Amino acid sequence: MIAHLSGTLLRKAPNSVIIDNSGIGYEVTVPLSTFYALPEKDEKVSLHIYTHVREDALMLFGFHALLEKKIFLLLFSVSGIGPKLATNILSGMGPEELLDAIANGDSQRIQSIPGVGKKIAERISLELKDKASKLRGEQQPLAPPFMARKEVGVQEDAVSALVNLGYSVKSAKEAVDRASAGAKDITLESLIKKTLRVLA
């Protein structure tokens, strides 16, 4: 069972990365909060890992901060939520903001995340409220991101990230165009955050 992975960042995208460790490239699914914290390509990276084993596949899910992994595991414990949906929920709202929403029983706020219906949101609020409150009391400030980045084709990457979150291509493109209007040298992180505000 892989619980932690360090190596060289070979490739990064808003929803996954490839990490080279001793000549082996591990593909790891990540939430946007972790993507924001990634270093540049070919630099060293270290992630907390959850290994998901199925009969037909072995999948790795990676997190920059241990808090992200703890929230992911809480979400994954809820009936009807698989690892991919848990990752999308983490992508749809920052980990600290999401933890607050769960601890406060704010199902409407949780339901605003793409892919989360009313029943799932209510189930999260009901089943995880006490656990989230306890975790919120124990949490340490999140570690800072590795460094600021400049990306090529940030608009295309932003659209891809939003589609992975459950938005339609048309909605994602229109929102990205609105969010990037007049912006110069905008980073992917900033563009995604601005676009999510537009969509909200």
Protein backbone atom coordinates (compact mmCIF):
# COMPACT_ATOMS: atom_id res chain seq x y z
CA MET A 1 0.00 0.00 0.00
CA ILE A 2 1.55 3.31 -1.11
CA ALA A 3 0.96 6.05 1.48
CA HIS A 4 3.52 8.62 0.37
CA LEU A 5 5.33 9.29 -2.89
CA SER A 6 8.32 11.50 -3.67
CA GLY A 7 10.13 11.98 -6.94
CA THR A 8 10.46 14.15 -10.03
CA LEU A 9 7.38 15.75 -11.56
CA LEU A 10 7.27 14.50 -15.16
CA ARG A 11 3.84 15.83 -16.11
CA LYS A 12 1.08 17.83 -14.48
CA ALA A 13 -2.53 18.55 -15.42
CA PRO A 14 -5.41 19.95 -13.37
CA ASN A 15 -6.63 16.45 -12.50
CA SER A 16 -3.52 14.24 -12.54
CA VAL A 17 0.27 14.13 -12.38
CA ILE A 18 3.03 11.68 -13.26
CA ILE A 19 5.84 11.32 -10.74
CA ASP A 20 9.11 9.59 -11.60
CA ASN A 21 10.47 7.58 -8.69
CA SER A 22 13.60 5.52 -9.46
CA GLY A 23 12.72 5.29 -13.14
CA ILE A 24 9.09 4.32 -12.61
CA GLY A 25 6.39 6.83 -13.54
CA TYR A 26 3.41 6.82 -11.17
CA GLU A 27 0.19 8.43 -12.40
CA VAL A 28 -1.61 10.12 -9.52
CA THR A 29 -5.07 11.70 -9.53
CA VAL A 30 -5.09 15.01 -7.64
CA PRO A 31 -7.65 17.64 -6.59
CA LEU A 32 -7.27 21.23 -7.78
CA SER A 33 -6.05 22.33 -4.35
CA THR A 34 -3.04 20.04 -4.80
CA PHE A 35 -2.56 21.05 -8.44
CA TYR A 36 -2.26 24.68 -7.32
CA ALA A 37 0.62 23.67 -5.04
CA LEU A 38 2.67 21.72 -7.57
CA PRO A 39 6.18 22.82 -8.51
CA GLU A 40 7.37 23.21 -12.09
CA LYS A 41 7.90 20.20 -14.33
CA ASP A 42 11.15 18.28 -13.67
CA GLU A 43 11.33 19.54 -10.10
CA LYS A 44 11.03 17.48 -6.93
CA VAL A 45 7.57 16.80 -5.56
CA SER A 46 6.21 14.93 -2.55
CA LEU A 47 2.58 13.89 -2.04
CA HIS A 48 0.50 12.05 0.54
CA ILE A 49 -1.08 9.08 -1.26
CA TYR A 50 -4.25 7.02 -0.97
CA THR A 51 -4.05 3.72 -2.87
CA HIS A 52 -7.40 2.52 -4.23
CA VAL A 53 -7.43 -1.15 -5.23
CA ARG A 54 -10.12 -2.64 -7.44
CA GLU A 55 -10.33 -5.97 -9.24
CA ASP A 56 -9.50 -4.32 -12.55
CA ALA A 57 -7.29 -1.42 -11.49
CA LEU A 58 -4.97 0.12 -8.93
CA MET A 59 -5.35 3.90 -8.65
CA LEU A 60 -3.33 6.47 -6.72
CA PHE A 61 -4.82 9.67 -5.33
CA GLY A 62 -2.36 12.33 -4.18
CA PHE A 63 -2.56 15.31 -1.83
CA HIS A 64 -0.16 18.15 -1.09
CA ALA A 65 -1.47 18.64 2.46
CA LEU A 66 -2.35 15.90 4.93
CA LEU A 67 -5.59 17.77 5.67
CA GLU A 68 -6.70 17.20 2.07
CA LYS A 69 -6.14 13.47 2.44
CA LYS A 70 -8.06 13.37 5.74
CA ILE A 71 -11.04 15.17 4.20
CA PHE A 72 -10.86 12.88 1.16
CA LEU A 73 -11.02 9.82 3.42
CA LEU A 74 -13.99 11.29 5.31
CA LEU A 75 -15.86 11.88 2.06
CA PHE A 76 -14.95 8.43 0.75
CA SER A 77 -16.45 6.85 3.88
CA VAL A 78 -19.91 8.12 2.90
CA SER A 79 -22.11 5.64 1.02
CA GLY A 80 -22.44 6.61 -2.62
CA ILE A 81 -19.15 8.54 -2.78
CA GLY A 82 -16.26 6.90 -4.61
CA PRO A 83 -12.68 8.19 -4.73
CA LYS A 84 -13.19 10.15 -7.95
CA LEU A 85 -16.25 11.99 -6.63
CA ALA A 86 -14.43 12.65 -3.35
CA THR A 87 -11.59 14.20 -5.36
CA ASN A 88 -14.03 16.31 -7.40
CA ILE A 89 -15.68 17.56 -4.20
CA LEU A 90 -12.26 18.63 -2.90
CA SER A 91 -11.64 20.36 -6.24
CA GLY A 92 -14.93 22.22 -6.10
CA MET A 93 -14.14 23.94 -2.82
CA GLY A 94 -10.91 24.63 -0.91
CA PRO A 95 -10.18 22.07 1.84
CA GLU A 96 -10.56 24.49 4.74
CA GLU A 97 -13.74 26.00 3.28
CA LEU A 98 -15.15 22.52 2.62
CA LEU A 99 -14.33 21.41 6.15
CA ASP A 100 -16.17 24.43 7.52
CA ALA A 101 -19.21 23.71 5.35
CA ILE A 102 -19.38 20.10 6.51
CA ALA A 103 -18.80 20.97 10.17
CA ASN A 104 -21.57 23.59 9.98
CA GLY A 105 -23.97 21.17 8.30
CA ASP A 106 -24.27 23.50 5.31
CA SER A 107 -25.66 21.04 2.77
CA GLN A 108 -26.69 23.78 0.32
CA ARG A 109 -23.13 25.01 0.10
CA ILE A 110 -21.90 21.46 -0.49
CA GLN A 111 -24.61 20.90 -3.09
CA SER A 112 -23.25 23.84 -5.11
CA ILE A 113 -20.27 21.67 -6.09
CA PRO A 114 -20.74 20.07 -9.55
CA GLY A 115 -21.67 16.39 -9.34
CA VAL A 116 -23.08 16.64 -5.82
CA GLY A 117 -26.83 16.18 -5.65
CA LYS A 118 -29.15 17.07 -2.81
CA LYS A 119 -29.15 13.57 -1.27
CA ILE A 120 -25.37 13.25 -1.30
CA ALA A 121 -24.94 16.75 0.15
CA GLU A 122 -27.38 16.00 2.96
CA ARG A 123 -25.71 12.65 3.62
CA ILE A 124 -22.31 14.35 3.88
CA SER A 125 -23.68 16.95 6.29
CA LEU A 126 -25.44 14.38 8.45
CA GLU A 127 -22.78 11.67 8.59
CA LEU A 128 -19.64 13.82 8.71
CA LYS A 129 -20.64 16.89 10.73
CA ASP A 130 -19.19 15.68 14.05
CA LYS A 131 -16.08 14.17 12.44
CA ALA A 132 -15.45 17.35 10.47
CA SER A 133 -15.85 19.47 13.60
CA LYS A 134 -13.28 17.33 15.39
CA LEU A 135 -10.88 17.48 12.46
CA ARG A 136 -11.30 21.25 12.19
CA GLY A 137 -10.28 21.57 15.85
CA GLU A 138 -7.15 19.50 15.25
CA GLN A 139 -6.03 21.02 11.96
CA GLN A 140 -2.78 22.87 11.43
CA PRO A 141 -2.42 25.68 8.87
CA LEU A 142 -2.00 24.30 5.37
CA ALA A 143 1.53 24.16 4.03
CA PRO A 144 2.26 26.85 1.42
CA PRO A 145 2.38 25.90 -2.26
CA PHE A 146 5.73 24.96 -3.75
CA MET A 147 5.99 28.12 -5.87
CA ALA A 148 4.06 30.40 -8.20
CA ARG A 149 3.87 29.16 -11.79
CA LYS A 150 3.33 30.38 -15.34
CA GLU A 151 1.52 28.05 -17.71
CA VAL A 152 1.21 27.81 -21.47
CA GLY A 153 -2.34 27.60 -22.73
CA VAL A 154 -3.87 28.39 -19.35
CA GLN A 155 -7.34 28.92 -20.84
CA GLU A 156 -7.40 25.44 -22.38
CA ASP A 157 -6.14 23.92 -19.13
CA ALA A 158 -8.76 25.82 -17.14
CA VAL A 159 -11.55 24.56 -19.41
CA SER A 160 -10.21 21.01 -19.05
CA ALA A 161 -10.18 21.32 -15.26
CA LEU A 162 -13.76 22.59 -15.16
CA VAL A 163 -15.00 19.85 -17.48
CA ASN A 164 -13.38 17.32 -15.15
CA LEU A 165 -15.35 18.92 -12.32
CA GLY A 166 -18.60 18.27 -14.14
CA TYR A 167 -19.28 21.51 -16.03
CA SER A 168 -20.24 21.33 -19.70
CA VAL A 169 -17.62 22.34 -22.26
CA LYS A 170 -19.80 25.26 -23.39
CA SER A 171 -20.34 26.59 -19.86
CA ALA A 172 -16.67 26.15 -19.01
CA LYS A 173 -15.45 27.97 -22.13
CA GLU A 174 -17.89 30.87 -21.66
CA ALA A 175 -16.94 31.26 -17.99
CA VAL A 176 -13.20 31.07 -18.73
CA ASP A 177 -13.57 33.71 -21.45
CA ARG A 178 -15.39 36.02 -19.01
CA ALA A 179 -12.87 35.41 -16.23
CA SER A 180 -9.84 35.99 -18.46
CA ALA A 181 -11.16 39.08 -20.27
CA GLY A 182 -8.59 41.84 -20.01
CA ALA A 183 -6.22 39.75 -17.89
CA LYS A 184 -2.53 39.61 -18.76
CA ASP A 185 -0.04 36.93 -17.67
CA ILE A 186 -2.71 35.22 -15.57
CA THR A 187 -1.75 31.94 -13.93
CA LEU A 188 -3.85 28.80 -14.23
CA GLU A 189 -4.52 28.86 -10.50
CA SER A 190 -5.84 32.43 -10.61
CA LEU A 191 -7.89 31.78 -13.74
CA ILE A 192 -9.59 28.69 -12.29
CA LYS A 193 -10.41 30.54 -9.07
CA LYS A 194 -11.85 33.51 -10.99
CA THR A 195 -13.83 31.20 -13.28
CA LEU A 196 -15.33 29.31 -10.35
CA ARG A 197 -16.48 32.65 -8.93
CA VAL A 198 -18.07 33.49 -12.28
CA LEU A 199 -19.87 30.14 -12.35
CA ALA A 200 -21.05 30.59 -8.77
